[in-house]
Amino acid sequence: MKLYSLSVLYKGSTKANLLKAAYDLSSFSFFQRSSVQEFMTFTSALIVERSALGSRASVKEQEYLCHVYVRNDNLGGVVIADSEYPSRVCFTLLDKVLDEFSRQVNSIDWPSGSPATVQYTALDSHLAKYQNPREADAMTKVQAELDETKIILHSTMESLLERGEKLDDLVQKSEHLGNQSKAFYKTARKQNSCCEIM
């Protein structure tokens, strides 16, 4: 599970304007990084341009999923992740980032802003924090703990069933042994009775 890009954009009447972006391109070779970053920036802007106000969507592009949220105030966010990353966590991240961005950056600056002029520095830390969705998102963390508990419960039930089967085997053997012991006892008693000295 990996997040590659987190972008905040302004959806204008004809095109989307990139306000701020953060990238984690460490999984790509050094020579590919600038091309991959350009592609992610272009894709993010294109998705925001084509999304309706107040909408959320996930768009598959090759092996990546682009999660977009465009608010009614024309502020949009895009997360590009691999296909394994949970969508719900991406939209939680987008909600958080867009709310924080709108509080820190004045909406007058959105239409004309650029990554160089917008003073918002939290994207890199959010991108790093959300690389592990189990640590960043409380609900995902609880779900992971529930899954672990379920695995432990299943293994406990399996060991109990194995123990129960073993006990059944022992009970059957003891019943069989009991019958043999009774037969031996009767035979021994008959043998001893005929050899008694009076």
C-alpha atoms as a PDB file:
ATOM      1  CA  MET A   1       0.000   0.000   0.000  1.00  0.00           C
ATOM      2  CA  LYS A   2       1.477   3.289  -1.079  1.00  0.00           C
ATOM      3  CA  LEU A   3       0.532   6.927  -1.572  1.00  0.00           C
ATOM      4  CA  TYR A   4       2.381   8.667  -4.397  1.00  0.00           C
ATOM      5  CA  SER A   5       0.827  12.110  -4.619  1.00  0.00           C
ATOM      6  CA  LEU A   6      -1.354  14.508  -2.647  1.00  0.00           C
ATOM      7  CA  SER A   7      -2.481  17.669  -4.453  1.00  0.00           C
ATOM      8  CA  VAL A   8      -4.696  20.651  -3.675  1.00  0.00           C
ATOM      9  CA  LEU A   9      -6.178  22.418  -6.702  1.00  0.00           C
ATOM     10  CA  TYR A  10      -8.637  25.193  -7.503  1.00  0.00           C
ATOM     11  CA  LYS A  11     -11.294  24.266 -10.076  1.00  0.00           C
ATOM     12  CA  GLY A  12     -11.662  27.287 -12.332  1.00  0.00           C
ATOM     13  CA  SER A  13     -14.301  27.768 -15.009  1.00  0.00           C
ATOM     14  CA  THR A  14     -12.089  26.300 -17.746  1.00  0.00           C
ATOM     15  CA  LYS A  15      -9.123  24.652 -16.042  1.00  0.00           C
ATOM     16  CA  ALA A  16      -7.811  23.512 -12.686  1.00  0.00           C
ATOM     17  CA  ASN A  17      -5.060  25.484 -10.988  1.00  0.00           C
ATOM     18  CA  LEU A  18      -2.492  23.582  -8.885  1.00  0.00           C
ATOM     19  CA  LEU A  19      -2.109  25.301  -5.514  1.00  0.00           C
ATOM     20  CA  LYS A  20       0.121  22.861  -3.635  1.00  0.00           C
ATOM     21  CA  ALA A  21       1.347  19.290  -4.054  1.00  0.00           C
ATOM     22  CA  ALA A  22       3.467  16.680  -2.308  1.00  0.00           C
ATOM     23  CA  TYR A  23       4.984  13.580  -3.892  1.00  0.00           C
ATOM     24  CA  ASP A  24       6.603  10.369  -2.686  1.00  0.00           C
ATOM     25  CA  LEU A  25       8.414   9.039  -5.736  1.00  0.00           C
ATOM     26  CA  SER A  26      11.047   7.005  -3.895  1.00  0.00           C
ATOM     27  CA  SER A  27       9.781   3.767  -5.474  1.00  0.00           C
ATOM     28  CA  PHE A  28      10.654   5.076  -8.969  1.00  0.00           C
ATOM     29  CA  SER A  29      14.151   5.270 -10.403  1.00  0.00           C
ATOM     30  CA  PHE A  30      15.888   8.614 -10.149  1.00  0.00           C
ATOM     31  CA  PHE A  31      15.665   9.211 -13.905  1.00  0.00           C
ATOM     32  CA  GLN A  32      11.899   8.542 -14.019  1.00  0.00           C
ATOM     33  CA  ARG A  33      10.881  10.773 -11.121  1.00  0.00           C
ATOM     34  CA  SER A  34      10.464  14.075 -12.981  1.00  0.00           C
ATOM     35  CA  SER A  35       8.377  12.432 -15.728  1.00  0.00           C
ATOM     36  CA  VAL A  36       6.235  10.587 -13.190  1.00  0.00           C
ATOM     37  CA  GLN A  37       5.707  13.793 -11.203  1.00  0.00           C
ATOM     38  CA  GLU A  38       4.638  15.676 -14.366  1.00  0.00           C
ATOM     39  CA  PHE A  39       2.246  12.870 -15.261  1.00  0.00           C
ATOM     40  CA  MET A  40       0.715  12.877 -11.751  1.00  0.00           C
ATOM     41  CA  THR A  41       0.337  16.682 -11.813  1.00  0.00           C
ATOM     42  CA  PHE A  42      -1.303  16.579 -15.249  1.00  0.00           C
ATOM     43  CA  THR A  43      -3.629  13.706 -14.263  1.00  0.00           C
ATOM     44  CA  SER A  44      -4.637  15.438 -11.017  1.00  0.00           C
ATOM     45  CA  ALA A  45      -5.540  18.659 -12.853  1.00  0.00           C
ATOM     46  CA  LEU A  46      -7.441  16.776 -15.556  1.00  0.00           C
ATOM     47  CA  ILE A  47      -9.491  14.804 -13.026  1.00  0.00           C
ATOM     48  CA  VAL A  48     -10.411  17.937 -11.054  1.00  0.00           C
ATOM     49  CA  GLU A  49     -11.400  19.767 -14.263  1.00  0.00           C
ATOM     50  CA  ARG A  50     -13.749  16.949 -15.245  1.00  0.00           C
ATOM     51  CA  SER A  51     -15.286  16.387 -11.804  1.00  0.00           C
ATOM     52  CA  ALA A  52     -18.485  18.125 -10.744  1.00  0.00           C
ATOM     53  CA  LEU A  53     -18.600  20.416  -7.732  1.00  0.00           C
ATOM     54  CA  GLY A  54     -19.426  18.554  -4.510  1.00  0.00           C
ATOM     55  CA  SER A  55     -18.369  15.192  -5.905  1.00  0.00           C
ATOM     56  CA  ARG A  56     -16.047  12.392  -4.904  1.00  0.00           C
ATOM     57  CA  ALA A  57     -14.710   9.804  -7.297  1.00  0.00           C
ATOM     58  CA  SER A  58     -12.031   7.174  -7.774  1.00  0.00           C
ATOM     59  CA  VAL A  59     -10.489   6.877 -11.226  1.00  0.00           C
ATOM     60  CA  LYS A  60      -8.271   3.984 -12.283  1.00  0.00           C
ATOM     61  CA  GLU A  61      -5.252   4.948 -14.373  1.00  0.00           C
ATOM     62  CA  GLN A  62      -2.994   1.983 -15.230  1.00  0.00           C
ATOM     63  CA  GLU A  63      -2.080   0.387 -11.869  1.00  0.00           C
ATOM     64  CA  TYR A  64      -2.908   3.537  -9.886  1.00  0.00           C
ATOM     65  CA  LEU A  65      -6.116   4.816  -8.326  1.00  0.00           C
ATOM     66  CA  CYS A  66      -6.728   8.557  -8.368  1.00  0.00           C
ATOM     67  CA  HIS A  67      -9.135   9.645  -5.628  1.00  0.00           C
ATOM     68  CA  VAL A  68     -10.640  13.084  -6.151  1.00  0.00           C
ATOM     69  CA  TYR A  69     -12.848  15.299  -4.007  1.00  0.00           C
ATOM     70  CA  VAL A  70     -14.050  18.651  -5.341  1.00  0.00           C
ATOM     71  CA  ARG A  71     -15.887  20.774  -2.794  1.00  0.00           C
ATOM     72  CA  ASN A  72     -18.701  23.202  -3.564  1.00  0.00           C
ATOM     73  CA  ASP A  73     -16.322  26.145  -3.006  1.00  0.00           C
ATOM     74  CA  ASN A  74     -14.220  24.964  -6.021  1.00  0.00           C
ATOM     75  CA  LEU A  75     -11.394  23.653  -3.844  1.00  0.00           C
ATOM     76  CA  GLY A  76     -10.334  20.183  -4.908  1.00  0.00           C
ATOM     77  CA  GLY A  77      -7.933  17.528  -3.761  1.00  0.00           C
ATOM     78  CA  VAL A  78      -6.432  14.473  -5.433  1.00  0.00           C
ATOM     79  CA  VAL A  79      -4.657  11.494  -3.901  1.00  0.00           C
ATOM     80  CA  ILE A  80      -2.843   9.083  -6.199  1.00  0.00           C
ATOM     81  CA  ALA A  81      -2.284   5.693  -4.604  1.00  0.00           C
ATOM     82  CA  ASP A  82      -1.752   2.105  -5.609  1.00  0.00           C
ATOM     83  CA  SER A  83      -4.806  -0.108  -6.023  1.00  0.00           C
ATOM     84  CA  GLU A  84      -4.336  -1.780  -2.604  1.00  0.00           C
ATOM     85  CA  TYR A  85      -4.628   1.440  -0.596  1.00  0.00           C
ATOM     86  CA  PRO A  86      -8.078   1.762   1.082  1.00  0.00           C
ATOM     87  CA  SER A  87     -10.315   4.318  -0.660  1.00  0.00           C
ATOM     88  CA  ARG A  88     -12.043   5.326   2.568  1.00  0.00           C
ATOM     89  CA  VAL A  89      -8.712   6.396   4.090  1.00  0.00           C
ATOM     90  CA  CYS A  90      -7.901   8.457   0.960  1.00  0.00           C
ATOM     91  CA  PHE A  91     -11.172  10.358   1.229  1.00  0.00           C
ATOM     92  CA  THR A  92     -10.624  10.903   4.962  1.00  0.00           C
ATOM     93  CA  LEU A  93      -7.207  12.375   4.130  1.00  0.00           C
ATOM     94  CA  LEU A  94      -8.698  14.608   1.422  1.00  0.00           C
ATOM     95  CA  ASP A  95     -11.393  15.900   3.819  1.00  0.00           C
ATOM     96  CA  LYS A  96      -8.785  16.691   6.448  1.00  0.00           C
ATOM     97  CA  VAL A  97      -6.355  18.384   4.050  1.00  0.00           C
ATOM     98  CA  LEU A  98      -8.991  20.505   2.272  1.00  0.00           C
ATOM     99  CA  ASP A  99     -10.515  21.659   5.579  1.00  0.00           C
ATOM    100  CA  GLU A 100      -7.097  22.573   6.949  1.00  0.00           C
ATOM    101  CA  PHE A 101      -6.059  24.275   3.690  1.00  0.00           C
ATOM    102  CA  SER A 102      -9.232  26.379   3.548  1.00  0.00           C
ATOM    103  CA  ARG A 103      -8.633  27.554   7.136  1.00  0.00           C
ATOM    104  CA  GLN A 104      -4.987  28.498   6.521  1.00  0.00           C
ATOM    105  CA  VAL A 105      -5.115  29.919   2.982  1.00  0.00           C
ATOM    106  CA  ASN A 106      -7.511  32.725   2.143  1.00  0.00           C
ATOM    107  CA  SER A 107     -10.017  31.818  -0.598  1.00  0.00           C
ATOM    108  CA  ILE A 108      -9.167  35.061  -2.455  1.00  0.00           C
ATOM    109  CA  ASP A 109      -5.737  33.556  -3.212  1.00  0.00           C
ATOM    110  CA  TRP A 110      -7.091  30.298  -4.672  1.00  0.00           C
ATOM    111  CA  PRO A 111      -7.819  31.357  -8.288  1.00  0.00           C
ATOM    112  CA  SER A 112      -4.410  32.979  -8.818  1.00  0.00           C
ATOM    113  CA  GLY A 113      -2.296  30.916  -6.421  1.00  0.00           C
ATOM    114  CA  SER A 114       0.600  28.641  -7.340  1.00  0.00           C
ATOM    115  CA  PRO A 115       2.773  26.177  -5.419  1.00  0.00           C
ATOM    116  CA  ALA A 116       5.423  28.908  -5.029  1.00  0.00           C
ATOM    117  CA  THR A 117       3.049  31.569  -3.654  1.00  0.00           C
ATOM    118  CA  VAL A 118       0.720  29.492  -1.443  1.00  0.00           C
ATOM    119  CA  GLN A 119       1.927  29.258   2.146  1.00  0.00           C
ATOM    120  CA  TYR A 120       0.776  25.801   3.218  1.00  0.00           C
ATOM    121  CA  THR A 121       3.415  23.323   4.363  1.00  0.00           C
ATOM    122  CA  ALA A 122       1.470  20.406   5.838  1.00  0.00           C
ATOM    123  CA  LEU A 123       1.070  18.300   2.667  1.00  0.00           C
ATOM    124  CA  ASP A 124       4.430  16.548   2.970  1.00  0.00           C
ATOM    125  CA  SER A 125       3.774  15.565   6.585  1.00  0.00           C
ATOM    126  CA  HIS A 126       0.258  14.322   5.743  1.00  0.00           C
ATOM    127  CA  LEU A 127       1.616  12.279   2.841  1.00  0.00           C
ATOM    128  CA  ALA A 128       4.273  10.722   5.090  1.00  0.00           C
ATOM    129  CA  LYS A 129       1.845  10.065   7.951  1.00  0.00           C
ATOM    130  CA  TYR A 130      -0.761   8.387   5.749  1.00  0.00           C
ATOM    131  CA  GLN A 131       1.722   6.009   4.070  1.00  0.00           C
ATOM    132  CA  ASN A 132       0.617   3.466   6.670  1.00  0.00           C
ATOM    133  CA  PRO A 133      -3.190   3.642   6.765  1.00  0.00           C
ATOM    134  CA  ARG A 134      -3.378   1.523   9.921  1.00  0.00           C
ATOM    135  CA  GLU A 135      -1.398   4.070  11.908  1.00  0.00           C
ATOM    136  CA  ALA A 136      -2.943   7.203  10.413  1.00  0.00           C
ATOM    137  CA  ASP A 137      -6.606   6.233  10.420  1.00  0.00           C
ATOM    138  CA  ALA A 138      -8.260   5.122  13.668  1.00  0.00           C
ATOM    139  CA  MET A 139     -10.987   3.092  11.958  1.00  0.00           C
ATOM    140  CA  THR A 140      -8.482   1.141   9.849  1.00  0.00           C
ATOM    141  CA  LYS A 141      -6.401   0.511  12.966  1.00  0.00           C
ATOM    142  CA  VAL A 142      -9.445  -0.877  14.813  1.00  0.00           C
ATOM    143  CA  GLN A 143     -10.316  -3.061  11.788  1.00  0.00           C
ATOM    144  CA  ALA A 144      -6.753  -4.446  11.715  1.00  0.00           C
ATOM    145  CA  GLU A 145      -6.956  -5.233  15.448  1.00  0.00           C
ATOM    146  CA  LEU A 146     -10.325  -6.953  14.912  1.00  0.00           C
ATOM    147  CA  ASP A 147      -8.828  -9.035  12.094  1.00  0.00           C
ATOM    148  CA  GLU A 148      -5.940 -10.076  14.375  1.00  0.00           C
ATOM    149  CA  THR A 149      -8.403 -10.967  17.155  1.00  0.00           C
ATOM    150  CA  LYS A 150     -10.452 -13.012  14.691  1.00  0.00           C
ATOM    151  CA  ILE A 151      -7.334 -14.940  13.618  1.00  0.00           C
ATOM    152  CA  ILE A 152      -6.440 -15.645  17.255  1.00  0.00           C
ATOM    153  CA  LEU A 153     -10.021 -16.716  17.969  1.00  0.00           C
ATOM    154  CA  HIS A 154     -10.031 -19.081  14.973  1.00  0.00           C
ATOM    155  CA  SER A 155      -6.726 -20.669  16.016  1.00  0.00           C
ATOM    156  CA  THR A 156      -8.008 -21.026  19.580  1.00  0.00           C
ATOM    157  CA  MET A 157     -11.180 -22.699  18.318  1.00  0.00           C
ATOM    158  CA  GLU A 158      -9.135 -25.020  16.101  1.00  0.00           C
ATOM    159  CA  SER A 159      -6.896 -26.012  19.012  1.00  0.00           C
ATOM    160  CA  LEU A 160      -9.972 -26.589  21.185  1.00  0.00           C
ATOM    161  CA  LEU A 161     -11.485 -28.812  18.503  1.00  0.00           C
ATOM    162  CA  GLU A 162      -8.217 -30.725  18.185  1.00  0.00           C
ATOM    163  CA  ARG A 163      -8.101 -31.130  21.950  1.00  0.00           C
ATOM    164  CA  GLY A 164     -11.737 -32.271  21.919  1.00  0.00           C
ATOM    165  CA  GLU A 165     -10.969 -34.849  19.233  1.00  0.00           C
ATOM    166  CA  LYS A 166      -7.991 -36.115  21.230  1.00  0.00           C
ATOM    167  CA  LEU A 167     -10.140 -36.389  24.335  1.00  0.00           C
ATOM    168  CA  ASP A 168     -12.721 -38.369  22.371  1.00  0.00           C
ATOM    169  CA  ASP A 169      -9.989 -40.736  21.206  1.00  0.00           C
ATOM    170  CA  LEU A 170      -8.792 -41.180  24.812  1.00  0.00           C
ATOM    171  CA  VAL A 171     -12.322 -41.846  26.032  1.00  0.00           C
ATOM    172  CA  GLN A 172     -12.842 -44.478  23.324  1.00  0.00           C
ATOM    173  CA  LYS A 173      -9.506 -46.101  24.192  1.00  0.00           C
ATOM    174  CA  SER A 174     -10.342 -46.096  27.882  1.00  0.00           C
ATOM    175  CA  GLU A 175     -13.726 -47.686  27.220  1.00  0.00           C
ATOM    176  CA  HIS A 176     -12.011 -50.308  25.070  1.00  0.00           C
ATOM    177  CA  LEU A 177      -9.396 -50.777  27.786  1.00  0.00           C
ATOM    178  CA  GLY A 178     -12.171 -50.998  30.376  1.00  0.00           C
ATOM    179  CA  ASN A 179     -13.833 -53.855  28.488  1.00  0.00           C
ATOM    180  CA  GLN A 180     -10.518 -55.651  28.075  1.00  0.00           C
ATOM    181  CA  SER A 181      -9.694 -55.131  31.743  1.00  0.00           C
ATOM    182  CA  LYS A 182     -13.070 -56.565  32.765  1.00  0.00           C
ATOM    183  CA  ALA A 183     -12.513 -59.585  30.518  1.00  0.00           C
ATOM    184  CA  PHE A 184      -9.010 -60.064  31.926  1.00  0.00           C
ATOM    185  CA  TYR A 185     -10.336 -59.728  35.463  1.00  0.00           C
ATOM    186  CA  LYS A 186     -13.058 -62.334  34.843  1.00  0.00           C
ATOM    187  CA  THR A 187     -10.613 -64.739  33.198  1.00  0.00           C
ATOM    188  CA  ALA A 188      -8.082 -64.267  35.972  1.00  0.00           C
ATOM    189  CA  ARG A 189     -10.763 -64.810  38.573  1.00  0.00           C
ATOM    190  CA  LYS A 190     -11.896 -68.060  36.927  1.00  0.00           C
ATOM    191  CA  GLN A 191      -8.346 -69.278  36.714  1.00  0.00           C
ATOM    192  CA  ASN A 192      -7.679 -68.419  40.333  1.00  0.00           C
ATOM    193  CA  SER A 193     -10.861 -70.090  41.533  1.00  0.00           C
ATOM    194  CA  CYS A 194      -9.946 -73.472  40.119  1.00  0.00           C
ATOM    195  CA  CYS A 195      -6.488 -73.386  41.625  1.00  0.00           C
ATOM    196  CA  GLU A 196      -7.506 -72.564  45.194  1.00  0.00           C
ATOM    197  CA  ILE A 197      -6.121 -74.787  47.903  1.00  0.00           C
ATOM    198  CA  MET A 198      -8.648 -75.834  50.470  1.00  0.00           C
END
